[in-house]
């Protein structure tokens, strides 16, 4: 079952679709995203148009972009090395916070 949120995406709007945007992306990413977009009733072009309109409205990227913290980078490196810490607690968040503070 899909959601057709894009049915009237341009209804009432006078938009001249006169420019082509080209981007090189991974073929698997494209396939997976198109499958998701199809389920919500959007084409790739419509999704890109929505994204660009949000950039225009918000005057920037419409989601937060940030670098991982030092502790996150260290945790990623631990995982890559296989040094995975296993927390066994009824309150894993408190246990992890104690460990981070030590």
C-alpha atoms as a PDB file:
ATOM      1  CA  UNK A   1       0.000   0.000   0.000  1.00  0.00           C
ATOM      2  CA  UNK A   2       1.507   3.325  -0.998  1.00  0.00           C
ATOM      3  CA  UNK A   3       0.853   6.870   0.084  1.00  0.00           C
ATOM      4  CA  UNK A   4       0.272   9.284  -2.758  1.00  0.00           C
ATOM      5  CA  UNK A   5       1.456  12.523  -1.177  1.00  0.00           C
ATOM      6  CA  UNK A   6       2.770  13.766  -4.502  1.00  0.00           C
ATOM      7  CA  UNK A   7      -0.479  13.508  -6.446  1.00  0.00           C
ATOM      8  CA  UNK A   8      -1.011  17.268  -6.470  1.00  0.00           C
ATOM      9  CA  UNK A   9       2.537  18.389  -5.764  1.00  0.00           C
ATOM     10  CA  UNK A  10       2.424  21.103  -8.429  1.00  0.00           C
ATOM     11  CA  UNK A  11      -1.324  21.841  -8.210  1.00  0.00           C
ATOM     12  CA  UNK A  12      -1.891  25.566  -8.290  1.00  0.00           C
ATOM     13  CA  UNK A  13       1.822  26.257  -8.653  1.00  0.00           C
ATOM     14  CA  UNK A  14       3.149  27.814 -11.830  1.00  0.00           C
ATOM     15  CA  UNK A  15       6.536  26.177 -12.019  1.00  0.00           C
ATOM     16  CA  UNK A  16       8.616  26.139 -15.155  1.00  0.00           C
ATOM     17  CA  UNK A  17      10.419  22.822 -15.123  1.00  0.00           C
ATOM     18  CA  UNK A  18      13.089  23.952 -17.543  1.00  0.00           C
ATOM     19  CA  UNK A  19      16.396  22.901 -15.950  1.00  0.00           C
ATOM     20  CA  UNK A  20      18.035  19.513 -15.572  1.00  0.00           C
ATOM     21  CA  UNK A  21      20.012  18.568 -12.476  1.00  0.00           C
ATOM     22  CA  UNK A  22      22.501  15.735 -12.882  1.00  0.00           C
ATOM     23  CA  UNK A  23      24.257  13.934 -10.046  1.00  0.00           C
ATOM     24  CA  UNK A  24      26.376  10.806  -9.915  1.00  0.00           C
ATOM     25  CA  UNK A  25      25.282   8.495  -7.101  1.00  0.00           C
ATOM     26  CA  UNK A  26      25.708   4.879  -6.100  1.00  0.00           C
ATOM     27  CA  UNK A  27      23.343   2.646  -8.095  1.00  0.00           C
ATOM     28  CA  UNK A  28      22.283   0.656  -5.013  1.00  0.00           C
ATOM     29  CA  UNK A  29      21.435   3.863  -3.134  1.00  0.00           C
ATOM     30  CA  UNK A  30      19.379   5.036  -6.112  1.00  0.00           C
ATOM     31  CA  UNK A  31      17.498   1.736  -6.305  1.00  0.00           C
ATOM     32  CA  UNK A  32      16.746   1.677  -2.555  1.00  0.00           C
ATOM     33  CA  UNK A  33      15.645   5.315  -2.456  1.00  0.00           C
ATOM     34  CA  UNK A  34      13.425   4.965  -5.533  1.00  0.00           C
ATOM     35  CA  UNK A  35      11.732   1.976  -3.879  1.00  0.00           C
ATOM     36  CA  UNK A  36      10.994   4.064  -0.770  1.00  0.00           C
ATOM     37  CA  UNK A  37       9.863   7.073  -2.794  1.00  0.00           C
ATOM     38  CA  UNK A  38       7.522   4.880  -4.859  1.00  0.00           C
ATOM     39  CA  UNK A  39       5.846   3.707  -1.638  1.00  0.00           C
ATOM     40  CA  UNK A  40       5.124   7.314  -0.622  1.00  0.00           C
ATOM     41  CA  UNK A  41       4.062   8.352  -4.112  1.00  0.00           C
ATOM     42  CA  UNK A  42       7.055  10.448  -5.156  1.00  0.00           C
ATOM     43  CA  UNK A  43       9.356  10.306  -8.126  1.00  0.00           C
ATOM     44  CA  UNK A  44      13.044  11.035  -7.718  1.00  0.00           C
ATOM     45  CA  UNK A  45      12.527  14.363  -9.513  1.00  0.00           C
ATOM     46  CA  UNK A  46       9.712  15.311  -7.141  1.00  0.00           C
ATOM     47  CA  UNK A  47      11.819  14.385  -4.097  1.00  0.00           C
ATOM     48  CA  UNK A  48      14.723  16.487  -5.366  1.00  0.00           C
ATOM     49  CA  UNK A  49      12.343  19.384  -6.035  1.00  0.00           C
ATOM     50  CA  UNK A  50      10.956  19.088  -2.493  1.00  0.00           C
ATOM     51  CA  UNK A  51      14.487  19.044  -1.072  1.00  0.00           C
ATOM     52  CA  UNK A  52      15.551  22.105  -3.081  1.00  0.00           C
ATOM     53  CA  UNK A  53      12.404  23.990  -2.054  1.00  0.00           C
ATOM     54  CA  UNK A  54      13.152  23.229   1.618  1.00  0.00           C
ATOM     55  CA  UNK A  55      16.723  24.494   1.136  1.00  0.00           C
ATOM     56  CA  UNK A  56      15.269  27.694  -0.326  1.00  0.00           C
ATOM     57  CA  UNK A  57      12.684  28.126   2.461  1.00  0.00           C
ATOM     58  CA  UNK A  58      15.116  27.353   5.311  1.00  0.00           C
ATOM     59  CA  UNK A  59      18.050  29.056   3.597  1.00  0.00           C
ATOM     60  CA  UNK A  60      20.201  26.002   4.281  1.00  0.00           C
ATOM     61  CA  UNK A  61      20.197  22.217   4.441  1.00  0.00           C
ATOM     62  CA  UNK A  62      16.832  21.155   5.941  1.00  0.00           C
ATOM     63  CA  UNK A  63      18.377  18.787   8.460  1.00  0.00           C
ATOM     64  CA  UNK A  64      21.202  18.963  10.972  1.00  0.00           C
ATOM     65  CA  UNK A  65      24.710  18.285   9.729  1.00  0.00           C
ATOM     66  CA  UNK A  66      27.349  17.711  12.362  1.00  0.00           C
ATOM     67  CA  UNK A  67      30.590  15.918  12.972  1.00  0.00           C
ATOM     68  CA  UNK A  68      30.656  13.078  15.485  1.00  0.00           C
ATOM     69  CA  UNK A  69      31.941  13.913  18.964  1.00  0.00           C
ATOM     70  CA  UNK A  70      35.334  12.712  20.173  1.00  0.00           C
ATOM     71  CA  UNK A  71      33.696   9.988  22.297  1.00  0.00           C
ATOM     72  CA  UNK A  72      31.640   8.802  19.321  1.00  0.00           C
ATOM     73  CA  UNK A  73      34.768   8.621  17.144  1.00  0.00           C
ATOM     74  CA  UNK A  74      36.545   6.667  19.893  1.00  0.00           C
ATOM     75  CA  UNK A  75      33.579   4.270  20.156  1.00  0.00           C
ATOM     76  CA  UNK A  76      33.639   3.753  16.379  1.00  0.00           C
ATOM     77  CA  UNK A  77      37.345   2.944  16.533  1.00  0.00           C
ATOM     78  CA  UNK A  78      36.747   0.499  19.424  1.00  0.00           C
ATOM     79  CA  UNK A  79      34.109  -1.288  17.381  1.00  0.00           C
ATOM     80  CA  UNK A  80      36.399  -1.433  14.346  1.00  0.00           C
ATOM     81  CA  UNK A  81      39.117  -2.994  16.529  1.00  0.00           C
ATOM     82  CA  UNK A  82      36.616  -5.438  18.020  1.00  0.00           C
ATOM     83  CA  UNK A  83      36.835  -3.895  21.502  1.00  0.00           C
ATOM     84  CA  UNK A  84      33.093  -3.866  22.018  1.00  0.00           C
ATOM     85  CA  UNK A  85      31.953  -3.099  25.534  1.00  0.00           C
ATOM     86  CA  UNK A  86      28.887  -5.015  26.652  1.00  0.00           C
ATOM     87  CA  UNK A  87      26.670  -3.321  29.198  1.00  0.00           C
ATOM     88  CA  UNK A  88      24.540  -5.494  31.430  1.00  0.00           C
ATOM     89  CA  UNK A  89      22.215  -3.412  33.525  1.00  0.00           C
ATOM     90  CA  UNK A  90      18.568  -2.687  34.093  1.00  0.00           C
ATOM     91  CA  UNK A  91      19.456   0.919  33.313  1.00  0.00           C
ATOM     92  CA  UNK A  92      21.972   0.780  30.452  1.00  0.00           C
ATOM     93  CA  UNK A  93      21.975   4.555  29.893  1.00  0.00           C
ATOM     94  CA  UNK A  94      23.081   5.260  33.476  1.00  0.00           C
ATOM     95  CA  UNK A  95      25.758   2.560  33.219  1.00  0.00           C
ATOM     96  CA  UNK A  96      27.082   3.994  29.969  1.00  0.00           C
ATOM     97  CA  UNK A  97      27.131   7.513  31.441  1.00  0.00           C
ATOM     98  CA  UNK A  98      29.106   6.262  34.476  1.00  0.00           C
ATOM     99  CA  UNK A  99      31.566   4.575  32.132  1.00  0.00           C
ATOM    100  CA  UNK A 100      31.946   7.717  30.002  1.00  0.00           C
ATOM    101  CA  UNK A 101      32.651   9.822  33.096  1.00  0.00           C
ATOM    102  CA  UNK A 102      35.342   7.449  34.358  1.00  0.00           C
END
